[in-house]
C-alpha atoms as a PDB file:
ATOM      1  CA  MET A   1      -0.110   0.007   0.140  1.00  0.00           C
ATOM      2  CA  ASN A   2       2.666   2.355   1.095  1.00  0.00           C
ATOM      3  CA  LYS A   3       4.671   2.049  -2.619  1.00  0.00           C
ATOM      4  CA  LEU A   4       0.856   2.325  -4.380  1.00  0.00           C
ATOM      5  CA  LEU A   5       0.597   5.621  -2.572  1.00  0.00           C
ATOM      6  CA  ILE A   6       4.688   6.514  -3.057  1.00  0.00           C
ATOM      7  CA  LEU A   7       3.791   5.794  -6.370  1.00  0.00           C
ATOM      8  CA  VAL A   8       0.346   8.175  -7.134  1.00  0.00           C
ATOM      9  CA  THR A   9       2.058  10.533  -5.764  1.00  0.00           C
ATOM     10  CA  PHE A  10       5.065  10.795  -7.960  1.00  0.00           C
ATOM     11  CA  ILE A  11       3.015  11.118 -10.880  1.00  0.00           C
ATOM     12  CA  LEU A  12       1.001  13.455  -9.436  1.00  0.00           C
ATOM     13  CA  LEU A  13       3.839  15.991  -9.122  1.00  0.00           C
ATOM     14  CA  THR A  14       5.353  14.873 -12.373  1.00  0.00           C
ATOM     15  CA  MET A  15       2.505  15.823 -13.715  1.00  0.00           C
ATOM     16  CA  ASN A  16       2.195  18.923 -12.364  1.00  0.00           C
ATOM     17  CA  SER A  17       5.288  19.719 -12.997  1.00  0.00           C
ATOM     18  CA  PHE A  18       4.635  19.536 -16.446  1.00  0.00           C
ATOM     19  CA  ALA A  19       1.354  21.099 -16.730  1.00  0.00           C
ATOM     20  CA  GLN A  20       0.841  23.376 -19.502  1.00  0.00           C
ATOM     21  CA  LEU A  21      -0.712  26.985 -18.850  1.00  0.00           C
ATOM     22  CA  SER A  22      -4.431  27.543 -19.919  1.00  0.00           C
ATOM     23  CA  GLU A  23      -3.923  31.990 -20.304  1.00  0.00           C
ATOM     24  CA  ILE A  24      -1.107  33.390 -19.808  1.00  0.00           C
ATOM     25  CA  PRO A  25      -0.047  34.412 -16.084  1.00  0.00           C
ATOM     26  CA  GLU A  26      -0.877  38.384 -14.932  1.00  0.00           C
ATOM     27  CA  LYS A  27       1.894  39.696 -13.810  1.00  0.00           C
ATOM     28  CA  GLU A  28       2.665  42.616 -12.794  1.00  0.00           C
ATOM     29  CA  ILE A  29       6.190  44.713 -13.744  1.00  0.00           C
ATOM     30  CA  PRO A  30       8.059  46.064 -10.977  1.00  0.00           C
ATOM     31  CA  GLU A  31       8.524  50.069 -10.996  1.00  0.00           C
ATOM     32  CA  ASP A  32      12.320  49.184 -10.768  1.00  0.00           C
ATOM     33  CA  TYR A  33      12.923  46.938 -13.743  1.00  0.00           C
ATOM     34  CA  GLY A  34      12.908  49.609 -15.705  1.00  0.00           C
ATOM     35  CA  TYR A  35       9.864  49.322 -18.532  1.00  0.00           C
ATOM     36  CA  ILE A  36       8.498  52.100 -20.399  1.00  0.00           C
ATOM     37  CA  VAL A  37       6.559  50.114 -22.349  1.00  0.00           C
ATOM     38  CA  LYS A  38       3.800  48.042 -21.061  1.00  0.00           C
ATOM     39  CA  ILE A  39       1.673  44.426 -21.063  1.00  0.00           C
ATOM     40  CA  GLY A  40      -0.654  44.758 -23.399  1.00  0.00           C
ATOM     41  CA  GLN A  41       1.090  47.219 -25.760  1.00  0.00           C
ATOM     42  CA  GLN A  42       1.818  46.598 -29.160  1.00  0.00           C
ATOM     43  CA  LEU A  43       5.819  45.694 -30.457  1.00  0.00           C
ATOM     44  CA  PRO A  44       6.720  49.048 -30.938  1.00  0.00           C
ATOM     45  CA  ASP A  45       8.550  49.794 -34.319  1.00  0.00           C
ATOM     46  CA  ILE A  46      11.749  48.449 -34.255  1.00  0.00           C
ATOM     47  CA  SER A  47      14.357  47.411 -37.024  1.00  0.00           C
ATOM     48  CA  MET A  48      17.442  45.306 -36.459  1.00  0.00           C
ATOM     49  CA  LYS A  49      20.575  44.437 -38.623  1.00  0.00           C
ATOM     50  CA  LEU A  50      21.925  40.972 -37.617  1.00  0.00           C
ATOM     51  CA  THR A  51      25.462  39.761 -37.318  1.00  0.00           C
ATOM     52  CA  ASP A  52      25.091  37.766 -40.357  1.00  0.00           C
ATOM     53  CA  GLY A  53      24.176  40.993 -42.349  1.00  0.00           C
ATOM     54  CA  SER A  54      20.242  40.338 -42.461  1.00  0.00           C
ATOM     55  CA  GLN A  55      17.801  43.263 -41.395  1.00  0.00           C
ATOM     56  CA  VAL A  56      14.418  42.643 -39.670  1.00  0.00           C
ATOM     57  CA  THR A  57      11.965  44.818 -39.826  1.00  0.00           C
ATOM     58  CA  GLY A  58       8.572  45.176 -37.331  1.00  0.00           C
ATOM     59  CA  ALA A  59       6.507  44.056 -40.636  1.00  0.00           C
ATOM     60  CA  ASP A  60       9.126  40.363 -40.362  1.00  0.00           C
ATOM     61  CA  LEU A  61       7.299  39.648 -36.821  1.00  0.00           C
ATOM     62  CA  LYS A  62       4.079  40.466 -37.473  1.00  0.00           C
ATOM     63  CA  GLY A  63       1.902  36.626 -37.076  1.00  0.00           C
ATOM     64  CA  LYS A  64       4.804  34.893 -35.047  1.00  0.00           C
ATOM     65  CA  VAL A  65       5.415  34.634 -31.057  1.00  0.00           C
ATOM     66  CA  VAL A  66       8.713  36.783 -30.800  1.00  0.00           C
ATOM     67  CA  MET A  67      11.482  36.863 -27.637  1.00  0.00           C
ATOM     68  CA  LEU A  68      13.612  39.777 -27.724  1.00  0.00           C
ATOM     69  CA  GLN A  69      16.335  38.859 -25.236  1.00  0.00           C
ATOM     70  CA  PHE A  70      18.446  42.197 -24.785  1.00  0.00           C
ATOM     71  CA  THR A  71      22.162  41.581 -23.624  1.00  0.00           C
ATOM     72  CA  ALA A  72      25.686  42.722 -23.400  1.00  0.00           C
ATOM     73  CA  SER A  73      28.922  40.654 -23.816  1.00  0.00           C
ATOM     74  CA  TRP A  74      30.176  42.609 -20.306  1.00  0.00           C
ATOM     75  CA  CYS A  75      27.044  41.280 -18.793  1.00  0.00           C
ATOM     76  CA  SER A  76      27.275  38.615 -15.956  1.00  0.00           C
ATOM     77  CA  VAL A  77      24.103  37.526 -15.875  1.00  0.00           C
ATOM     78  CA  CYS A  78      23.270  37.531 -19.212  1.00  0.00           C
ATOM     79  CA  ARG A  79      26.246  35.240 -19.534  1.00  0.00           C
ATOM     80  CA  LYS A  80      24.793  32.837 -17.178  1.00  0.00           C
ATOM     81  CA  GLU A  81      21.251  33.378 -18.899  1.00  0.00           C
ATOM     82  CA  MET A  82      21.439  32.906 -22.364  1.00  0.00           C
ATOM     83  CA  PRO A  83      22.764  29.340 -22.372  1.00  0.00           C
ATOM     84  CA  HIS A  84      19.023  28.311 -20.620  1.00  0.00           C
ATOM     85  CA  ILE A  85      17.674  30.584 -23.786  1.00  0.00           C
ATOM     86  CA  GLU A  86      19.479  28.330 -26.154  1.00  0.00           C
ATOM     87  CA  SER A  87      18.798  25.044 -24.597  1.00  0.00           C
ATOM     88  CA  GLN A  88      15.507  25.340 -22.889  1.00  0.00           C
ATOM     89  CA  ILE A  89      13.719  27.759 -25.371  1.00  0.00           C
ATOM     90  CA  TRP A  90      15.620  27.874 -28.700  1.00  0.00           C
ATOM     91  CA  GLN A  91      16.804  24.481 -29.200  1.00  0.00           C
ATOM     92  CA  LYS A  92      12.719  23.936 -28.676  1.00  0.00           C
ATOM     93  CA  HIS A  93      11.248  26.008 -31.337  1.00  0.00           C
ATOM     94  CA  LYS A  94      14.039  26.759 -33.563  1.00  0.00           C
ATOM     95  CA  ASN A  95      12.584  24.894 -36.614  1.00  0.00           C
ATOM     96  CA  ASN A  96       9.152  26.917 -35.925  1.00  0.00           C
ATOM     97  CA  LYS A  97       7.861  29.022 -38.249  1.00  0.00           C
ATOM     98  CA  ASP A  98       5.931  30.915 -35.969  1.00  0.00           C
ATOM     99  CA  PHE A  99       8.717  31.827 -33.217  1.00  0.00           C
ATOM    100  CA  VAL A 100      11.629  34.635 -33.454  1.00  0.00           C
ATOM    101  CA  LEU A 101      13.834  34.958 -30.680  1.00  0.00           C
ATOM    102  CA  ILE A 102      16.581  37.493 -31.361  1.00  0.00           C
ATOM    103  CA  GLY A 103      19.364  38.552 -29.034  1.00  0.00           C
ATOM    104  CA  VAL A 104      19.612  42.414 -29.082  1.00  0.00           C
ATOM    105  CA  ASP A 105      22.918  43.519 -27.803  1.00  0.00           C
ATOM    106  CA  MET A 106      22.960  46.522 -26.504  1.00  0.00           C
ATOM    107  CA  ASP A 107      25.655  49.535 -28.316  1.00  0.00           C
ATOM    108  CA  GLU A 108      28.828  46.787 -28.843  1.00  0.00           C
ATOM    109  CA  PRO A 109      30.290  46.518 -32.442  1.00  0.00           C
ATOM    110  CA  LEU A 110      29.897  43.626 -35.092  1.00  0.00           C
ATOM    111  CA  GLU A 111      32.978  41.910 -34.036  1.00  0.00           C
ATOM    112  CA  LYS A 112      32.692  42.033 -30.142  1.00  0.00           C
ATOM    113  CA  VAL A 113      29.164  40.815 -30.795  1.00  0.00           C
ATOM    114  CA  LYS A 114      30.317  37.856 -32.804  1.00  0.00           C
ATOM    115  CA  LYS A 115      33.010  36.925 -30.506  1.00  0.00           C
ATOM    116  CA  PHE A 116      30.788  37.209 -27.910  1.00  0.00           C
ATOM    117  CA  LYS A 117      27.980  34.436 -29.375  1.00  0.00           C
ATOM    118  CA  GLU A 118      30.819  32.085 -29.949  1.00  0.00           C
ATOM    119  CA  ASP A 119      32.311  32.274 -26.516  1.00  0.00           C
ATOM    120  CA  ILE A 120      28.872  31.823 -25.007  1.00  0.00           C
ATOM    121  CA  LYS A 121      27.866  28.829 -27.420  1.00  0.00           C
ATOM    122  CA  VAL A 122      24.002  30.313 -28.752  1.00  0.00           C
ATOM    123  CA  THR A 123      23.365  29.576 -32.150  1.00  0.00           C
ATOM    124  CA  TYR A 124      20.351  32.260 -32.099  1.00  0.00           C
ATOM    125  CA  PRO A 125      20.277  35.337 -33.935  1.00  0.00           C
ATOM    126  CA  LEU A 126      21.751  38.623 -32.818  1.00  0.00           C
ATOM    127  CA  ALA A 127      21.317  41.900 -33.924  1.00  0.00           C
ATOM    128  CA  LEU A 128      23.390  44.828 -33.162  1.00  0.00           C
ATOM    129  CA  ASP A 129      21.874  48.075 -31.320  1.00  0.00           C
ATOM    130  CA  PRO A 130      24.021  50.742 -32.144  1.00  0.00           C
ATOM    131  CA  GLY A 131      23.379  53.416 -29.444  1.00  0.00           C
ATOM    132  CA  ALA A 132      21.314  51.459 -27.671  1.00  0.00           C
ATOM    133  CA  GLY A 133      18.459  53.354 -29.933  1.00  0.00           C
ATOM    134  CA  ILE A 134      16.073  50.094 -30.113  1.00  0.00           C
ATOM    135  CA  PHE A 135      16.895  49.170 -25.872  1.00  0.00           C
ATOM    136  CA  TYR A 136      16.389  52.347 -24.894  1.00  0.00           C
ATOM    137  CA  THR A 137      12.455  52.184 -26.982  1.00  0.00           C
ATOM    138  CA  PHE A 138      11.764  49.392 -24.506  1.00  0.00           C
ATOM    139  CA  THR A 139      13.554  50.954 -21.382  1.00  0.00           C
ATOM    140  CA  ALA A 140      14.282  54.085 -19.172  1.00  0.00           C
ATOM    141  CA  LYS A 141      17.341  55.757 -19.502  1.00  0.00           C
ATOM    142  CA  GLY A 142      20.231  54.045 -17.496  1.00  0.00           C
ATOM    143  CA  ALA A 143      18.008  50.554 -16.997  1.00  0.00           C
ATOM    144  CA  GLY A 144      20.494  47.340 -17.392  1.00  0.00           C
ATOM    145  CA  VAL A 145      20.244  44.409 -20.046  1.00  0.00           C
ATOM    146  CA  THR A 146      19.618  41.301 -19.061  1.00  0.00           C
ATOM    147  CA  ARG A 147      15.623  41.282 -19.763  1.00  0.00           C
ATOM    148  CA  ASN A 148      13.361  39.423 -22.413  1.00  0.00           C
ATOM    149  CA  VAL A 149       9.865  40.659 -23.835  1.00  0.00           C
ATOM    150  CA  ILE A 150       7.585  38.580 -24.974  1.00  0.00           C
ATOM    151  CA  VAL A 151       5.136  39.373 -28.014  1.00  0.00           C
ATOM    152  CA  ASP A 152       2.543  37.542 -29.067  1.00  0.00           C
ATOM    153  CA  LYS A 153       1.503  36.198 -32.747  1.00  0.00           C
ATOM    154  CA  SER A 154      -1.108  39.643 -32.816  1.00  0.00           C
ATOM    155  CA  GLY A 155       1.919  41.929 -31.709  1.00  0.00           C
ATOM    156  CA  LYS A 156       0.789  42.777 -28.475  1.00  0.00           C
ATOM    157  CA  ILE A 157       3.588  42.772 -25.392  1.00  0.00           C
ATOM    158  CA  VAL A 158       2.554  40.341 -22.993  1.00  0.00           C
ATOM    159  CA  TYR A 159       5.341  39.326 -20.538  1.00  0.00           C
ATOM    160  CA  MET A 160       8.996  40.505 -19.464  1.00  0.00           C
ATOM    161  CA  THR A 161      11.791  39.815 -17.513  1.00  0.00           C
ATOM    162  CA  ARG A 162      14.572  41.458 -15.835  1.00  0.00           C
ATOM    163  CA  LEU A 163      17.724  39.616 -14.671  1.00  0.00           C
ATOM    164  CA  TYR A 164      17.597  35.837 -14.006  1.00  0.00           C
ATOM    165  CA  LYS A 165      15.548  34.391 -11.861  1.00  0.00           C
ATOM    166  CA  GLU A 166      14.259  30.577 -12.271  1.00  0.00           C
ATOM    167  CA  GLU A 167      10.899  31.010 -11.456  1.00  0.00           C
ATOM    168  CA  GLU A 168      10.388  33.654 -13.553  1.00  0.00           C
ATOM    169  CA  PHE A 169      12.432  32.405 -16.464  1.00  0.00           C
ATOM    170  CA  LYS A 170      10.429  28.701 -16.096  1.00  0.00           C
ATOM    171  CA  GLU A 171       7.145  30.648 -16.301  1.00  0.00           C
ATOM    172  CA  MET A 172       8.687  33.036 -19.066  1.00  0.00           C
ATOM    173  CA  VAL A 173       9.403  29.071 -21.177  1.00  0.00           C
ATOM    174  CA  ASP A 174       5.594  28.835 -20.149  1.00  0.00           C
ATOM    175  CA  VAL A 175       4.259  31.085 -22.080  1.00  0.00           C
ATOM    176  CA  ILE A 176       6.095  30.966 -25.278  1.00  0.00           C
ATOM    177  CA  ASP A 177       4.824  27.334 -25.303  1.00  0.00           C
ATOM    178  CA  TYR A 178       1.610  28.565 -24.586  1.00  0.00           C
ATOM    179  CA  LEU A 179       1.423  31.105 -27.009  1.00  0.00           C
ATOM    180  CA  LEU A 180       2.751  28.656 -29.754  1.00  0.00           C
ATOM    181  CA  ALA A 181      -0.142  26.028 -28.815  1.00  0.00           C
ATOM    182  CA  ASN A 182      -2.763  28.205 -29.045  1.00  0.00           C
END
């Protein structure tokens, strides 16, 4: 009887850990996160040049689930988070035509960004952000990097993170999975 109880408990706990979201969680973004955009707002019109020389515009992102990951080579928290983005998000969804992930590197030259990408061993695209113009479209002046913005297929911002917090990161992964499944 004890073995059966242990087995049932294990199964229930396991099922709970793989439970899918039934909706996007309502998230209050703390003021100290430094965002000037809000949940529910349309993605600002942005244009980015990727390290491979290609250009991505807001029009290219329409109809897709988008993750913008703001980063910089000098940022230790970014270096901690990026391998998790690579393994838990990019590798899972990179072949999904409805998903776009772009790391937006804050105000660093092309060669430095390419070396950073190689050093961190990420394969998702990185974009250049000269003068941090894209970054400051989303955040207040002086705000720090290590942040993610998730946009749904209608172009609406639905989730934002700051720094690397395991629970928040896991919830973001669940939000992306939910958006791609619905």
